[in-house]
Amino acid sequence: MTKLLDHAVKVAGTLPDDVQDEIARLMLALAGDDKEPEPVDPDHLDAVLEGLEQARAGKFASRAEVARTLSRFGE
């Protein structure tokens, strides 16, 4: 383990349990070892299912559409 990662783990260990769990889930996802899917907030379920259906149908935003959207946020 690198010194930086070791330091990050020690700092994370001082945080509340729920924050530690969130950091652990993010680390596992980044390392490709996340076996469980993230829970979907029931308020967002319809939008998630719609997005999955659009992806299955190959309906993706063009580069121009993405650029226009990002420009609204100063990107």
PDB file of N, CA and C in Angstrom:
ATOM      1  N   MET A   1       0.845  -1.171   0.000  1.00  0.00           N
ATOM      2  CA  MET A   1       0.000   0.000   0.000  1.00  0.00           C
ATOM      3  C   MET A   1       0.892   1.236   0.000  1.00  0.00           C
ATOM      4  N   THR A   2       0.521   2.222  -0.798  1.00  0.00           N
ATOM      5  CA  THR A   2       1.321   3.446  -0.839  1.00  0.00           C
ATOM      6  C   THR A   2       1.107   4.262   0.427  1.00  0.00           C
ATOM      7  N   LYS A   3       2.017   5.183   0.668  1.00  0.00           N
ATOM      8  CA  LYS A   3       1.906   6.045   1.841  1.00  0.00           C
ATOM      9  C   LYS A   3       0.643   6.897   1.763  1.00  0.00           C
ATOM     10  N   LEU A   4       0.332   7.371   0.564  1.00  0.00           N
ATOM     11  CA  LEU A   4      -0.840   8.219   0.403  1.00  0.00           C
ATOM     12  C   LEU A   4      -2.116   7.435   0.704  1.00  0.00           C
ATOM     13  N   LEU A   5      -2.235   6.229   0.177  1.00  0.00           N
ATOM     14  CA  LEU A   5      -3.426   5.427   0.440  1.00  0.00           C
ATOM     15  C   LEU A   5      -3.516   5.073   1.916  1.00  0.00           C
ATOM     16  N   ASP A   6      -2.398   4.727   2.518  1.00  0.00           N
ATOM     17  CA  ASP A   6      -2.377   4.419   3.943  1.00  0.00           C
ATOM     18  C   ASP A   6      -2.861   5.623   4.755  1.00  0.00           C
ATOM     19  N   HIS A   7      -2.388   6.808   4.403  1.00  0.00           N
ATOM     20  CA  HIS A   7      -2.809   8.027   5.095  1.00  0.00           C
ATOM     21  C   HIS A   7      -4.311   8.261   4.908  1.00  0.00           C
ATOM     22  N   ALA A   8      -4.804   8.075   3.686  1.00  0.00           N
ATOM     23  CA  ALA A   8      -6.225   8.283   3.402  1.00  0.00           C
ATOM     24  C   ALA A   8      -7.085   7.324   4.228  1.00  0.00           C
ATOM     25  N   VAL A   9      -6.661   6.081   4.348  1.00  0.00           N
ATOM     26  CA  VAL A   9      -7.415   5.100   5.122  1.00  0.00           C
ATOM     27  C   VAL A   9      -7.424   5.500   6.602  1.00  0.00           C
ATOM     28  N   LYS A  10      -6.292   5.971   7.113  1.00  0.00           N
ATOM     29  CA  LYS A  10      -6.238   6.403   8.515  1.00  0.00           C
ATOM     30  C   LYS A  10      -7.157   7.601   8.756  1.00  0.00           C
ATOM     31  N   VAL A  11      -7.155   8.545   7.848  1.00  0.00           N
ATOM     32  CA  VAL A  11      -8.028   9.709   7.991  1.00  0.00           C
ATOM     33  C   VAL A  11      -9.494   9.273   7.906  1.00  0.00           C
ATOM     34  N   ALA A  12      -9.810   8.419   6.946  1.00  0.00           N
ATOM     35  CA  ALA A  12     -11.184   7.938   6.801  1.00  0.00           C
ATOM     36  C   ALA A  12     -11.646   7.207   8.057  1.00  0.00           C
ATOM     37  N   GLY A  13     -10.713   6.539   8.730  1.00  0.00           N
ATOM     38  CA  GLY A  13     -11.044   5.807   9.944  1.00  0.00           C
ATOM     39  C   GLY A  13     -11.497   6.683  11.099  1.00  0.00           C
ATOM     40  N   THR A  14     -11.268   7.985  10.980  1.00  0.00           N
ATOM     41  CA  THR A  14     -11.694   8.907  12.044  1.00  0.00           C
ATOM     42  C   THR A  14     -13.101   9.458  11.791  1.00  0.00           C
ATOM     43  N   LEU A  15     -13.663   9.158  10.643  1.00  0.00           N
ATOM     44  CA  LEU A  15     -14.967   9.698  10.263  1.00  0.00           C
ATOM     45  C   LEU A  15     -16.090   8.819  10.816  1.00  0.00           C
ATOM     46  N   PRO A  16     -17.320   9.341  10.827  1.00  0.00           N
ATOM     47  CA  PRO A  16     -18.458   8.537  11.291  1.00  0.00           C
ATOM     48  C   PRO A  16     -18.620   7.258  10.442  1.00  0.00           C
ATOM     49  N   ASP A  17     -19.221   6.246  11.046  1.00  0.00           N
ATOM     50  CA  ASP A  17     -19.354   4.944  10.391  1.00  0.00           C
ATOM     51  C   ASP A  17     -20.026   5.018   9.026  1.00  0.00           C
ATOM     52  N   ASP A  18     -21.093   5.810   8.900  1.00  0.00           N
ATOM     53  CA  ASP A  18     -21.799   5.868   7.617  1.00  0.00           C
ATOM     54  C   ASP A  18     -20.920   6.482   6.531  1.00  0.00           C
ATOM     55  N   VAL A  19     -20.099   7.449   6.898  1.00  0.00           N
ATOM     56  CA  VAL A  19     -19.181   8.050   5.929  1.00  0.00           C
ATOM     57  C   VAL A  19     -18.079   7.060   5.566  1.00  0.00           C
ATOM     58  N   GLN A  20     -17.582   6.322   6.550  1.00  0.00           N
ATOM     59  CA  GLN A  20     -16.574   5.293   6.275  1.00  0.00           C
ATOM     60  C   GLN A  20     -17.117   4.258   5.294  1.00  0.00           C
ATOM     61  N   ASP A  21     -18.373   3.838   5.494  1.00  0.00           N
ATOM     62  CA  ASP A  21     -18.971   2.859   4.591  1.00  0.00           C
ATOM     63  C   ASP A  21     -19.093   3.409   3.172  1.00  0.00           C
ATOM     64  N   GLU A  22     -19.457   4.676   3.045  1.00  0.00           N
ATOM     65  CA  GLU A  22     -19.575   5.276   1.714  1.00  0.00           C
ATOM     66  C   GLU A  22     -18.210   5.342   1.035  1.00  0.00           C
ATOM     67  N   ILE A  23     -17.191   5.724   1.766  1.00  0.00           N
ATOM     68  CA  ILE A  23     -15.828   5.763   1.219  1.00  0.00           C
ATOM     69  C   ILE A  23     -15.404   4.362   0.793  1.00  0.00           C
ATOM     70  N   ALA A  24     -15.706   3.366   1.620  1.00  0.00           N
ATOM     71  CA  ALA A  24     -15.347   1.982   1.287  1.00  0.00           C
ATOM     72  C   ALA A  24     -16.044   1.533   0.009  1.00  0.00           C
ATOM     73  N   ARG A  25     -17.337   1.866  -0.136  1.00  0.00           N
ATOM     74  CA  ARG A  25     -18.059   1.492  -1.368  1.00  0.00           C
ATOM     75  C   ARG A  25     -17.428   2.151  -2.593  1.00  0.00           C
ATOM     76  N   LEU A  26     -17.057   3.424  -2.450  1.00  0.00           N
ATOM     77  CA  LEU A  26     -16.427   4.128  -3.575  1.00  0.00           C
ATOM     78  C   LEU A  26     -15.072   3.521  -3.927  1.00  0.00           C
ATOM     79  N   MET A  27     -14.297   3.185  -2.917  1.00  0.00           N
ATOM     80  CA  MET A  27     -12.987   2.570  -3.165  1.00  0.00           C
ATOM     81  C   MET A  27     -13.153   1.225  -3.873  1.00  0.00           C
ATOM     82  N   LEU A  28     -14.106   0.421  -3.424  1.00  0.00           N
ATOM     83  CA  LEU A  28     -14.330  -0.873  -4.054  1.00  0.00           C
ATOM     84  C   LEU A  28     -14.802  -0.714  -5.501  1.00  0.00           C
ATOM     85  N   ALA A  29     -15.658   0.265  -5.735  1.00  0.00           N
ATOM     86  CA  ALA A  29     -16.125   0.509  -7.099  1.00  0.00           C
ATOM     87  C   ALA A  29     -14.970   0.926  -7.997  1.00  0.00           C
ATOM     88  N   LEU A  30     -14.110   1.809  -7.502  1.00  0.00           N
ATOM     89  CA  LEU A  30     -12.958   2.250  -8.294  1.00  0.00           C
ATOM     90  C   LEU A  30     -11.981   1.113  -8.555  1.00  0.00           C
ATOM     91  N   ALA A  31     -11.871   0.196  -7.594  1.00  0.00           N
ATOM     92  CA  ALA A  31     -10.948  -0.933  -7.744  1.00  0.00           C
ATOM     93  C   ALA A  31     -11.578  -2.074  -8.544  1.00  0.00           C
ATOM     94  N   GLY A  32     -12.852  -1.928  -8.914  1.00  0.00           N
ATOM     95  CA  GLY A  32     -13.512  -2.965  -9.703  1.00  0.00           C
ATOM     96  C   GLY A  32     -13.945  -4.159  -8.876  1.00  0.00           C
ATOM     97  N   ASP A  33     -14.120  -3.971  -7.582  1.00  0.00           N
ATOM     98  CA  ASP A  33     -14.485  -5.084  -6.709  1.00  0.00           C
ATOM     99  C   ASP A  33     -15.825  -4.837  -6.023  1.00  0.00           C
ATOM    100  N   ASP A  34     -16.685  -4.097  -6.682  1.00  0.00           N
ATOM    101  CA  ASP A  34     -17.994  -3.821  -6.091  1.00  0.00           C
ATOM    102  C   ASP A  34     -18.987  -4.871  -6.578  1.00  0.00           C
ATOM    103  N   LYS A  35     -19.314  -5.790  -5.721  1.00  0.00           N
ATOM    104  CA  LYS A  35     -20.166  -6.915  -6.097  1.00  0.00           C
ATOM    105  C   LYS A  35     -21.652  -6.576  -6.025  1.00  0.00           C
ATOM    106  N   GLU A  36     -22.021  -5.638  -5.171  1.00  0.00           N
ATOM    107  CA  GLU A  36     -23.424  -5.298  -4.994  1.00  0.00           C
ATOM    108  C   GLU A  36     -23.756  -4.009  -5.740  1.00  0.00           C
ATOM    109  N   PRO A  37     -24.877  -3.988  -6.448  1.00  0.00           N
ATOM    110  CA  PRO A  37     -25.272  -2.743  -7.106  1.00  0.00           C
ATOM    111  C   PRO A  37     -25.677  -1.700  -6.076  1.00  0.00           C
ATOM    112  N   GLU A  38     -25.487  -0.459  -6.431  1.00  0.00           N
ATOM    113  CA  GLU A  38     -25.899   0.632  -5.551  1.00  0.00           C
ATOM    114  C   GLU A  38     -27.424   0.636  -5.465  1.00  0.00           C
ATOM    115  N   PRO A  39     -27.971   0.886  -4.295  1.00  0.00           N
ATOM    116  CA  PRO A  39     -29.432   0.980  -4.190  1.00  0.00           C
ATOM    117  C   PRO A  39     -29.924   2.217  -4.933  1.00  0.00           C
ATOM    118  N   VAL A  40     -31.090   2.102  -5.519  1.00  0.00           N
ATOM    119  CA  VAL A  40     -31.686   3.215  -6.245  1.00  0.00           C
ATOM    120  C   VAL A  40     -32.740   3.862  -5.355  1.00  0.00           C
ATOM    121  N   ASP A  41     -32.628   5.159  -5.199  1.00  0.00           N
ATOM    122  CA  ASP A  41     -33.620   5.908  -4.443  1.00  0.00           C
ATOM    123  C   ASP A  41     -34.972   5.713  -5.135  1.00  0.00           C
ATOM    124  N   PRO A  42     -36.001   5.296  -4.411  1.00  0.00           N
ATOM    125  CA  PRO A  42     -37.313   5.078  -5.032  1.00  0.00           C
ATOM    126  C   PRO A  42     -37.832   6.286  -5.806  1.00  0.00           C
ATOM    127  N   ASP A  43     -37.461   7.486  -5.358  1.00  0.00           N
ATOM    128  CA  ASP A  43     -37.897   8.699  -6.067  1.00  0.00           C
ATOM    129  C   ASP A  43     -37.254   8.811  -7.449  1.00  0.00           C
ATOM    130  N   HIS A  44     -36.146   8.102  -7.681  1.00  0.00           N
ATOM    131  CA  HIS A  44     -35.426   8.191  -8.954  1.00  0.00           C
ATOM    132  C   HIS A  44     -35.586   6.945  -9.815  1.00  0.00           C
ATOM    133  N   LEU A  45     -36.318   5.950  -9.321  1.00  0.00           N
ATOM    134  CA  LEU A  45     -36.414   4.670 -10.016  1.00  0.00           C
ATOM    135  C   LEU A  45     -36.951   4.807 -11.427  1.00  0.00           C
ATOM    136  N   ASP A  46     -38.011   5.574 -11.616  1.00  0.00           N
ATOM    137  CA  ASP A  46     -38.574   5.727 -12.969  1.00  0.00           C
ATOM    138  C   ASP A  46     -37.552   6.308 -13.938  1.00  0.00           C
ATOM    139  N   ALA A  47     -36.798   7.310 -13.496  1.00  0.00           N
ATOM    140  CA  ALA A  47     -35.787   7.931 -14.361  1.00  0.00           C
ATOM    141  C   ALA A  47     -34.661   6.953 -14.665  1.00  0.00           C
ATOM    142  N   VAL A  48     -34.261   6.158 -13.681  1.00  0.00           N
ATOM    143  CA  VAL A  48     -33.204   5.163 -13.906  1.00  0.00           C
ATOM    144  C   VAL A  48     -33.664   4.125 -14.911  1.00  0.00           C
ATOM    145  N   LEU A  49     -34.879   3.622 -14.750  1.00  0.00           N
ATOM    146  CA  LEU A  49     -35.401   2.618 -15.684  1.00  0.00           C
ATOM    147  C   LEU A  49     -35.539   3.190 -17.094  1.00  0.00           C
ATOM    148  N   GLU A  50     -35.961   4.447 -17.189  1.00  0.00           N
ATOM    149  CA  GLU A  50     -36.051   5.100 -18.496  1.00  0.00           C
ATOM    150  C   GLU A  50     -34.669   5.218 -19.140  1.00  0.00           C
ATOM    151  N   GLY A  51     -33.684   5.601 -18.349  1.00  0.00           N
ATOM    152  CA  GLY A  51     -32.321   5.717 -18.867  1.00  0.00           C
ATOM    153  C   GLY A  51     -31.772   4.380 -19.328  1.00  0.00           C
ATOM    154  N   LEU A  52     -32.045   3.321 -18.582  1.00  0.00           N
ATOM    155  CA  LEU A  52     -31.599   1.986 -18.992  1.00  0.00           C
ATOM    156  C   LEU A  52     -32.251   1.558 -20.300  1.00  0.00           C
ATOM    157  N   GLU A  53     -33.521   1.856 -20.437  1.00  0.00           N
ATOM    158  CA  GLU A  53     -34.226   1.508 -21.677  1.00  0.00           C
ATOM    159  C   GLU A  53     -33.652   2.303 -22.856  1.00  0.00           C
ATOM    160  N   GLN A  54     -33.364   3.567 -22.643  1.00  0.00           N
ATOM    161  CA  GLN A  54     -32.758   4.376 -23.702  1.00  0.00           C
ATOM    162  C   GLN A  54     -31.395   3.810 -24.090  1.00  0.00           C
ATOM    163  N   ALA A  55     -30.617   3.372 -23.106  1.00  0.00           N
ATOM    164  CA  ALA A  55     -29.299   2.796 -23.396  1.00  0.00           C
ATOM    165  C   ALA A  55     -29.444   1.509 -24.186  1.00  0.00           C
ATOM    166  N   ARG A  56     -30.390   0.663 -23.792  1.00  0.00           N
ATOM    167  CA  ARG A  56     -30.621  -0.592 -24.532  1.00  0.00           C
ATOM    168  C   ARG A  56     -31.001  -0.324 -25.984  1.00  0.00           C
ATOM    169  N   ALA A  57     -31.742   0.781 -26.195  1.00  0.00           N
ATOM    170  CA  ALA A  57     -32.181   1.142 -27.547  1.00  0.00           C
ATOM    171  C   ALA A  57     -31.103   1.902 -28.309  1.00  0.00           C
ATOM    172  N   GLY A  58     -29.961   2.161 -27.663  1.00  0.00           N
ATOM    173  CA  GLY A  58     -28.878   2.872 -28.331  1.00  0.00           C
ATOM    174  C   GLY A  58     -29.098   4.366 -28.454  1.00  0.00           C
ATOM    175  N   LYS A  59     -29.971   4.896 -27.629  1.00  0.00           N
ATOM    176  CA  LYS A  59     -30.272   6.333 -27.675  1.00  0.00           C
ATOM    177  C   LYS A  59     -29.346   7.073 -26.730  1.00  0.00           C
ATOM    178  N   PHE A  60     -28.234   7.564 -27.268  1.00  0.00           N
ATOM    179  CA  PHE A  60     -27.245   8.290 -26.478  1.00  0.00           C
ATOM    180  C   PHE A  60     -27.142   9.718 -26.983  1.00  0.00           C
ATOM    181  N   ALA A  61     -26.751  10.615 -26.108  1.00  0.00           N
ATOM    182  CA  ALA A  61     -26.566  12.010 -26.492  1.00  0.00           C
ATOM    183  C   ALA A  61     -25.358  12.122 -27.423  1.00  0.00           C
ATOM    184  N   SER A  62     -25.467  13.010 -28.386  1.00  0.00           N
ATOM    185  CA  SER A  62     -24.338  13.262 -29.285  1.00  0.00           C
ATOM    186  C   SER A  62     -23.290  14.080 -28.543  1.00  0.00           C
ATOM    187  N   ARG A  63     -22.096  14.151 -29.108  1.00  0.00           N
ATOM    188  CA  ARG A  63     -21.047  14.983 -28.498  1.00  0.00           C
ATOM    189  C   ARG A  63     -21.485  16.439 -28.408  1.00  0.00           C
ATOM    190  N   ALA A  64     -22.193  16.904 -29.422  1.00  0.00           N
ATOM    191  CA  ALA A  64     -22.660  18.293 -29.428  1.00  0.00           C
ATOM    192  C   ALA A  64     -23.671  18.529 -28.309  1.00  0.00           C
ATOM    193  N   GLU A  65     -24.578  17.568 -28.103  1.00  0.00           N
ATOM    194  CA  GLU A  65     -25.561  17.703 -27.028  1.00  0.00           C
ATOM    195  C   GLU A  65     -24.885  17.714 -25.656  1.00  0.00           C
ATOM    196  N   VAL A  66     -23.899  16.862 -25.485  1.00  0.00           N
ATOM    197  CA  VAL A  66     -23.169  16.825 -24.217  1.00  0.00           C
ATOM    198  C   VAL A  66     -22.431  18.140 -24.007  1.00  0.00           C
ATOM    199  N   ALA A  67     -21.788  18.653 -25.053  1.00  0.00           N
ATOM    200  CA  ALA A  67     -21.053  19.912 -24.953  1.00  0.00           C
ATOM    201  C   ALA A  67     -21.993  21.059 -24.589  1.00  0.00           C
ATOM    202  N   ARG A  68     -23.185  21.105 -25.213  1.00  0.00           N
ATOM    203  CA  ARG A  68     -24.158  22.161 -24.897  1.00  0.00           C
ATOM    204  C   ARG A  68     -24.590  22.068 -23.437  1.00  0.00           C
ATOM    205  N   THR A  69     -24.833  20.865 -22.964  1.00  0.00           N
ATOM    206  CA  THR A  69     -25.272  20.683 -21.578  1.00  0.00           C
ATOM    207  C   THR A  69     -24.169  21.106 -20.609  1.00  0.00           C
ATOM    208  N   LEU A  70     -22.932  20.668 -20.873  1.00  0.00           N
ATOM    209  CA  LEU A  70     -21.830  21.031 -19.987  1.00  0.00           C
ATOM    210  C   LEU A  70     -21.565  22.528 -19.984  1.00  0.00           C
ATOM    211  N   SER A  71     -21.811  23.174 -21.114  1.00  0.00           N
ATOM    212  CA  SER A  71     -21.564  24.621 -21.191  1.00  0.00           C
ATOM    213  C   SER A  71     -22.461  25.391 -20.234  1.00  0.00           C
ATOM    214  N   ARG A  72     -23.604  24.831 -19.901  1.00  0.00           N
ATOM    215  CA  ARG A  72     -24.512  25.481 -18.943  1.00  0.00           C
ATOM    216  C   ARG A  72     -23.908  25.523 -17.540  1.00  0.00           C
ATOM    217  N   PHE A  73     -22.954  24.628 -17.277  1.00  0.00           N
ATOM    218  CA  PHE A  73     -22.320  24.557 -15.966  1.00  0.00           C
ATOM    219  C   PHE A  73     -20.917  25.140 -15.971  1.00  0.00           C
ATOM    220  N   GLY A  74     -20.581  25.851 -17.038  1.00  0.00           N
ATOM    221  CA  GLY A  74     -19.277  26.495 -17.124  1.00  0.00           C
ATOM    222  C   GLY A  74     -18.154  25.535 -17.447  1.00  0.00           C
ATOM    223  N   GLU A  75     -18.463  24.357 -17.986  1.00  0.00           N
ATOM    224  CA  GLU A  75     -17.443  23.372 -18.331  1.00  0.00           C
ATOM    225  C   GLU A  75     -16.977  23.558 -19.754  1.00  0.00           C
TER     226      GLU A  75
END
